[in-house]
Amino acid sequence: MKQIFDSQMPTLTLETGSKKVLMCTNEEVETVYDNPPVEGAEPVARQQYKYDVDWLEPEEKAKGPVVDAIIRTRYSLSSELAIQRHYNNSKTTYKQEWEEYNQFCEWAKEKAAEAGL
């Protein structure tokens, strides 16, 4: 279920005073009207932003633990190790799976860096 915000959110928001990190992904922008249209008058429109939201609770607010927490939103430790085993056993057969996994890991690192970690 998507959560709605009145402004565009960064991918990661570090919550002050706790270890929680808000992760917002899959942005959808929608135009909404606060008043019903009236003939001859311009409707008042505004942007509304919808996101898939996850609260991450890394061991600490440092780059490594936050990156790990982001990766765990998509890959369990077991599935991560399976991807590595598959690729080590057959690089050609599992090349696409390996590249998708690595792209997501790089994305997680970029998002942690953007958040100032």
N, C-alpha and C. Protein backbone atom coordinates (compact mmCIF):
# COMPACT_ATOMS: atom_id res chain seq x y z
N MET A 1 0.83 -1.17 0.00
CA MET A 1 0.00 0.00 0.00
C MET A 1 0.89 1.25 0.00
N LYS A 2 0.58 2.15 -0.85
CA LYS A 2 1.38 3.36 -0.96
C LYS A 2 0.95 4.39 0.08
N GLN A 3 1.95 5.15 0.56
CA GLN A 3 1.67 6.26 1.45
C GLN A 3 1.73 7.54 0.65
N ILE A 4 0.91 8.52 1.06
CA ILE A 4 0.79 9.78 0.32
C ILE A 4 1.50 10.89 1.09
N PHE A 5 2.25 11.70 0.35
CA PHE A 5 2.95 12.85 0.91
C PHE A 5 2.62 14.08 0.07
N ASP A 6 2.65 15.25 0.69
CA ASP A 6 2.38 16.50 -0.04
C ASP A 6 3.60 17.02 -0.78
N SER A 7 4.76 16.49 -0.46
CA SER A 7 5.97 16.93 -1.15
C SER A 7 6.79 15.71 -1.56
N GLN A 8 7.68 15.94 -2.49
CA GLN A 8 8.53 14.86 -2.98
C GLN A 8 9.49 14.45 -1.87
N MET A 9 9.66 13.16 -1.67
CA MET A 9 10.50 12.63 -0.60
C MET A 9 11.82 12.12 -1.16
N PRO A 10 12.91 12.28 -0.39
CA PRO A 10 14.15 11.61 -0.80
C PRO A 10 13.98 10.11 -0.60
N THR A 11 14.81 9.32 -1.24
CA THR A 11 14.69 7.87 -1.10
C THR A 11 14.90 7.46 0.36
N LEU A 12 15.89 8.05 1.02
CA LEU A 12 16.15 7.72 2.43
C LEU A 12 16.04 8.98 3.28
N THR A 13 15.36 8.84 4.42
CA THR A 13 15.26 9.92 5.39
C THR A 13 15.69 9.37 6.74
N LEU A 14 16.71 9.97 7.33
CA LEU A 14 17.20 9.52 8.62
C LEU A 14 16.36 10.16 9.72
N GLU A 15 15.73 9.36 10.54
CA GLU A 15 14.88 9.90 11.61
C GLU A 15 15.76 10.39 12.76
N THR A 16 15.55 11.61 13.19
CA THR A 16 16.33 12.19 14.27
C THR A 16 15.99 11.51 15.59
N GLY A 17 17.02 11.20 16.37
CA GLY A 17 16.81 10.65 17.70
C GLY A 17 16.53 9.16 17.76
N SER A 18 16.59 8.48 16.64
CA SER A 18 16.40 7.02 16.67
C SER A 18 17.25 6.39 15.57
N LYS A 19 17.24 5.07 15.53
CA LYS A 19 18.01 4.38 14.50
C LYS A 19 17.19 4.15 13.23
N LYS A 20 15.93 4.55 13.23
CA LYS A 20 15.07 4.27 12.09
C LYS A 20 15.44 5.11 10.86
N VAL A 21 15.24 4.49 9.71
CA VAL A 21 15.48 5.14 8.43
C VAL A 21 14.24 4.87 7.57
N LEU A 22 13.65 5.94 7.04
CA LEU A 22 12.49 5.82 6.17
C LEU A 22 12.97 5.67 4.73
N MET A 23 12.52 4.61 4.05
CA MET A 23 12.89 4.38 2.66
C MET A 23 11.63 4.50 1.80
N CYS A 24 11.64 5.44 0.85
CA CYS A 24 10.51 5.68 -0.05
C CYS A 24 10.94 5.31 -1.47
N THR A 25 10.21 4.40 -2.09
CA THR A 25 10.55 3.96 -3.46
C THR A 25 9.29 3.94 -4.31
N ASN A 26 9.48 3.76 -5.60
CA ASN A 26 8.39 3.63 -6.57
C ASN A 26 7.45 4.84 -6.54
N GLU A 27 8.05 6.00 -6.75
CA GLU A 27 7.28 7.25 -6.71
C GLU A 27 6.22 7.31 -7.81
N GLU A 28 5.04 7.74 -7.43
CA GLU A 28 3.96 8.05 -8.37
C GLU A 28 3.51 9.48 -8.07
N VAL A 29 3.37 10.30 -9.09
CA VAL A 29 2.92 11.68 -8.92
C VAL A 29 1.51 11.77 -9.48
N GLU A 30 0.64 12.39 -8.72
CA GLU A 30 -0.75 12.50 -9.12
C GLU A 30 -1.21 13.95 -8.91
N THR A 31 -1.99 14.45 -9.82
CA THR A 31 -2.58 15.78 -9.66
C THR A 31 -3.93 15.63 -9.00
N VAL A 32 -4.12 16.37 -7.91
CA VAL A 32 -5.40 16.32 -7.19
C VAL A 32 -5.97 17.73 -7.13
N TYR A 33 -7.27 17.80 -6.99
CA TYR A 33 -7.98 19.08 -6.93
C TYR A 33 -8.61 19.22 -5.55
N ASP A 34 -8.32 20.33 -4.88
CA ASP A 34 -8.83 20.55 -3.53
C ASP A 34 -10.28 21.03 -3.52
N ASN A 35 -10.73 21.59 -4.61
CA ASN A 35 -12.11 22.05 -4.67
C ASN A 35 -12.77 21.48 -5.91
N PRO A 36 -14.06 21.30 -5.85
CA PRO A 36 -14.74 20.78 -7.05
C PRO A 36 -14.68 21.82 -8.17
N PRO A 37 -14.58 21.37 -9.40
CA PRO A 37 -14.53 22.31 -10.52
C PRO A 37 -15.82 23.15 -10.58
N VAL A 38 -15.64 24.43 -10.79
CA VAL A 38 -16.77 25.35 -10.92
C VAL A 38 -16.70 25.92 -12.32
N GLU A 39 -17.84 25.96 -12.99
CA GLU A 39 -17.87 26.44 -14.37
C GLU A 39 -17.35 27.87 -14.44
N GLY A 40 -16.40 28.11 -15.32
CA GLY A 40 -15.84 29.42 -15.53
C GLY A 40 -14.69 29.76 -14.60
N ALA A 41 -14.39 28.90 -13.63
CA ALA A 41 -13.29 29.17 -12.69
C ALA A 41 -12.19 28.14 -12.90
N GLU A 42 -10.96 28.57 -12.68
CA GLU A 42 -9.83 27.65 -12.78
C GLU A 42 -9.81 26.73 -11.56
N PRO A 43 -9.72 25.43 -11.76
CA PRO A 43 -9.62 24.53 -10.61
C PRO A 43 -8.26 24.69 -9.92
N VAL A 44 -8.25 24.50 -8.61
CA VAL A 44 -7.00 24.58 -7.85
C VAL A 44 -6.41 23.18 -7.78
N ALA A 45 -5.26 23.02 -8.42
CA ALA A 45 -4.62 21.70 -8.49
C ALA A 45 -3.32 21.71 -7.70
N ARG A 46 -2.96 20.55 -7.18
CA ARG A 46 -1.67 20.40 -6.51
C ARG A 46 -1.15 18.99 -6.79
N GLN A 47 0.14 18.83 -6.60
CA GLN A 47 0.78 17.52 -6.80
C GLN A 47 0.73 16.73 -5.51
N GLN A 48 0.50 15.47 -5.63
CA GLN A 48 0.52 14.55 -4.50
C GLN A 48 1.49 13.43 -4.87
N TYR A 49 2.29 13.00 -3.92
CA TYR A 49 3.32 11.99 -4.19
C TYR A 49 3.00 10.73 -3.41
N LYS A 50 3.04 9.60 -4.11
CA LYS A 50 2.76 8.30 -3.47
C LYS A 50 4.02 7.44 -3.56
N TYR A 51 4.30 6.75 -2.46
CA TYR A 51 5.50 5.91 -2.38
C TYR A 51 5.19 4.58 -1.70
N ASP A 52 5.96 3.57 -2.06
CA ASP A 52 6.05 2.36 -1.24
C ASP A 52 7.01 2.73 -0.12
N VAL A 53 6.61 2.49 1.11
CA VAL A 53 7.40 2.93 2.27
C VAL A 53 7.84 1.74 3.10
N ASP A 54 9.11 1.76 3.48
CA ASP A 54 9.66 0.76 4.40
C ASP A 54 10.38 1.50 5.50
N TRP A 55 10.18 1.07 6.74
CA TRP A 55 10.98 1.59 7.84
C TRP A 55 12.12 0.61 8.07
N LEU A 56 13.34 1.07 7.90
CA LEU A 56 14.51 0.24 8.11
C LEU A 56 15.01 0.50 9.53
N GLU A 57 15.52 -0.53 10.16
CA GLU A 57 16.11 -0.38 11.48
C GLU A 57 17.49 -1.00 11.49
N PRO A 58 18.46 -0.30 10.88
CA PRO A 58 19.83 -0.84 10.85
C PRO A 58 20.43 -0.82 12.25
N GLU A 59 21.49 -1.61 12.43
CA GLU A 59 22.17 -1.67 13.74
C GLU A 59 22.64 -0.28 14.16
N GLU A 60 23.05 0.53 13.21
CA GLU A 60 23.46 1.91 13.49
C GLU A 60 23.27 2.72 12.22
N LYS A 61 23.24 4.03 12.38
CA LYS A 61 23.10 4.92 11.21
C LYS A 61 24.48 5.19 10.63
N ALA A 62 25.00 4.19 9.97
CA ALA A 62 26.27 4.29 9.27
C ALA A 62 26.05 3.65 7.90
N LYS A 63 26.90 3.98 6.95
CA LYS A 63 26.68 3.54 5.57
C LYS A 63 26.52 2.02 5.45
N GLY A 64 27.43 1.25 6.03
CA GLY A 64 27.37 -0.21 5.89
C GLY A 64 26.06 -0.82 6.40
N PRO A 65 25.68 -0.55 7.65
CA PRO A 65 24.42 -1.11 8.16
C PRO A 65 23.18 -0.64 7.40
N VAL A 66 23.17 0.61 6.94
CA VAL A 66 22.01 1.10 6.18
C VAL A 66 21.95 0.41 4.82
N VAL A 67 23.09 0.26 4.16
CA VAL A 67 23.13 -0.45 2.87
C VAL A 67 22.64 -1.89 3.07
N ASP A 68 23.12 -2.56 4.11
CA ASP A 68 22.66 -3.92 4.39
C ASP A 68 21.15 -3.97 4.58
N ALA A 69 20.60 -3.01 5.33
CA ALA A 69 19.15 -2.98 5.58
C ALA A 69 18.36 -2.78 4.30
N ILE A 70 18.88 -1.93 3.41
CA ILE A 70 18.22 -1.73 2.12
C ILE A 70 18.25 -3.03 1.32
N ILE A 71 19.39 -3.67 1.26
CA ILE A 71 19.51 -4.92 0.51
C ILE A 71 18.55 -5.97 1.06
N ARG A 72 18.35 -6.01 2.37
CA ARG A 72 17.44 -7.00 2.97
C ARG A 72 15.98 -6.75 2.61
N THR A 73 15.65 -5.55 2.11
CA THR A 73 14.27 -5.32 1.67
C THR A 73 13.95 -6.13 0.41
N ARG A 74 14.98 -6.54 -0.31
CA ARG A 74 14.76 -7.32 -1.53
C ARG A 74 15.33 -8.73 -1.42
N TYR A 75 16.46 -8.89 -0.74
CA TYR A 75 17.15 -10.18 -0.68
C TYR A 75 17.37 -10.59 0.76
N SER A 76 16.94 -11.79 1.09
CA SER A 76 17.31 -12.35 2.39
C SER A 76 18.78 -12.77 2.30
N LEU A 77 19.40 -13.01 3.45
CA LEU A 77 20.79 -13.48 3.43
C LEU A 77 20.89 -14.79 2.66
N SER A 78 19.92 -15.66 2.85
CA SER A 78 19.91 -16.95 2.17
C SER A 78 19.84 -16.78 0.64
N SER A 79 18.96 -15.90 0.16
CA SER A 79 18.85 -15.72 -1.29
C SER A 79 20.08 -15.01 -1.85
N GLU A 80 20.66 -14.13 -1.08
CA GLU A 80 21.88 -13.45 -1.51
C GLU A 80 23.02 -14.46 -1.69
N LEU A 81 23.16 -15.35 -0.73
CA LEU A 81 24.21 -16.38 -0.83
C LEU A 81 23.93 -17.34 -1.98
N ALA A 82 22.65 -17.64 -2.21
CA ALA A 82 22.29 -18.52 -3.33
C ALA A 82 22.68 -17.89 -4.67
N ILE A 83 22.44 -16.59 -4.81
CA ILE A 83 22.81 -15.89 -6.04
C ILE A 83 24.32 -15.99 -6.25
N GLN A 84 25.07 -15.80 -5.19
CA GLN A 84 26.53 -15.88 -5.29
C GLN A 84 26.98 -17.30 -5.65
N ARG A 85 26.36 -18.31 -5.03
CA ARG A 85 26.72 -19.71 -5.35
C ARG A 85 26.38 -20.03 -6.81
N HIS A 86 25.18 -19.62 -7.24
CA HIS A 86 24.77 -19.88 -8.63
C HIS A 86 25.77 -19.28 -9.60
N TYR A 87 26.13 -18.02 -9.37
CA TYR A 87 27.03 -17.34 -10.28
C TYR A 87 28.41 -17.98 -10.27
N ASN A 88 28.89 -18.39 -9.11
CA ASN A 88 30.20 -19.06 -9.03
C ASN A 88 30.20 -20.39 -9.75
N ASN A 89 29.04 -21.08 -9.79
CA ASN A 89 28.95 -22.38 -10.45
C ASN A 89 28.74 -22.27 -11.96
N SER A 90 28.07 -21.22 -12.41
CA SER A 90 27.80 -21.07 -13.84
C SER A 90 27.60 -19.60 -14.18
N LYS A 91 28.68 -18.95 -14.52
CA LYS A 91 28.65 -17.51 -14.78
C LYS A 91 27.74 -17.14 -15.95
N THR A 92 27.67 -17.97 -16.97
CA THR A 92 26.83 -17.64 -18.12
C THR A 92 25.34 -17.85 -17.82
N THR A 93 25.00 -18.94 -17.16
CA THR A 93 23.60 -19.23 -16.85
C THR A 93 23.00 -18.20 -15.91
N TYR A 94 23.76 -17.75 -14.93
CA TYR A 94 23.24 -16.86 -13.89
C TYR A 94 23.74 -15.41 -14.01
N LYS A 95 24.22 -15.06 -15.21
CA LYS A 95 24.76 -13.72 -15.41
C LYS A 95 23.72 -12.63 -15.15
N GLN A 96 22.52 -12.77 -15.68
CA GLN A 96 21.49 -11.74 -15.52
C GLN A 96 21.09 -11.59 -14.05
N GLU A 97 20.89 -12.70 -13.37
CA GLU A 97 20.55 -12.67 -11.94
C GLU A 97 21.65 -11.96 -11.14
N TRP A 98 22.89 -12.27 -11.45
CA TRP A 98 24.04 -11.67 -10.78
C TRP A 98 24.10 -10.16 -11.03
N GLU A 99 23.88 -9.76 -12.29
CA GLU A 99 23.93 -8.33 -12.62
C GLU A 99 22.80 -7.55 -11.95
N GLU A 100 21.59 -8.12 -11.89
CA GLU A 100 20.47 -7.46 -11.22
C GLU A 100 20.76 -7.28 -9.73
N TYR A 101 21.32 -8.30 -9.14
CA TYR A 101 21.68 -8.24 -7.72
C TYR A 101 22.73 -7.15 -7.49
N ASN A 102 23.76 -7.11 -8.31
CA ASN A 102 24.81 -6.11 -8.16
C ASN A 102 24.30 -4.70 -8.42
N GLN A 103 23.42 -4.53 -9.38
CA GLN A 103 22.84 -3.21 -9.64
C GLN A 103 22.05 -2.72 -8.44
N PHE A 104 21.30 -3.62 -7.80
CA PHE A 104 20.53 -3.22 -6.62
C PHE A 104 21.47 -2.85 -5.47
N CYS A 105 22.54 -3.61 -5.31
CA CYS A 105 23.52 -3.29 -4.25
C CYS A 105 24.16 -1.92 -4.50
N GLU A 106 24.50 -1.62 -5.75
CA GLU A 106 25.07 -0.31 -6.08
C GLU A 106 24.06 0.80 -5.83
N TRP A 107 22.80 0.55 -6.19
CA TRP A 107 21.74 1.52 -5.93
C TRP A 107 21.62 1.80 -4.43
N ALA A 108 21.68 0.74 -3.62
CA ALA A 108 21.60 0.89 -2.16
C ALA A 108 22.75 1.75 -1.64
N LYS A 109 23.95 1.53 -2.16
CA LYS A 109 25.10 2.35 -1.74
C LYS A 109 24.92 3.80 -2.15
N GLU A 110 24.43 4.03 -3.36
CA GLU A 110 24.20 5.41 -3.82
C GLU A 110 23.18 6.12 -2.93
N LYS A 111 22.11 5.43 -2.57
CA LYS A 111 21.06 6.04 -1.76
C LYS A 111 21.57 6.35 -0.35
N ALA A 112 22.39 5.48 0.19
CA ALA A 112 22.97 5.75 1.51
C ALA A 112 23.90 6.97 1.45
N ALA A 113 24.66 7.09 0.36
CA ALA A 113 25.55 8.24 0.19
C ALA A 113 24.74 9.53 0.03
N GLU A 114 23.65 9.47 -0.73
CA GLU A 114 22.78 10.64 -0.92
C GLU A 114 22.18 11.11 0.42
N ALA A 115 21.97 10.17 1.35
CA ALA A 115 21.40 10.50 2.66
C ALA A 115 22.46 11.05 3.60
N GLY A 116 23.70 11.13 3.12
CA GLY A 116 24.77 11.71 3.93
C GLY A 116 25.54 10.71 4.76
N LEU A 117 25.43 9.45 4.42
CA LEU A 117 26.17 8.42 5.17
C LEU A 117 27.48 8.08 4.48
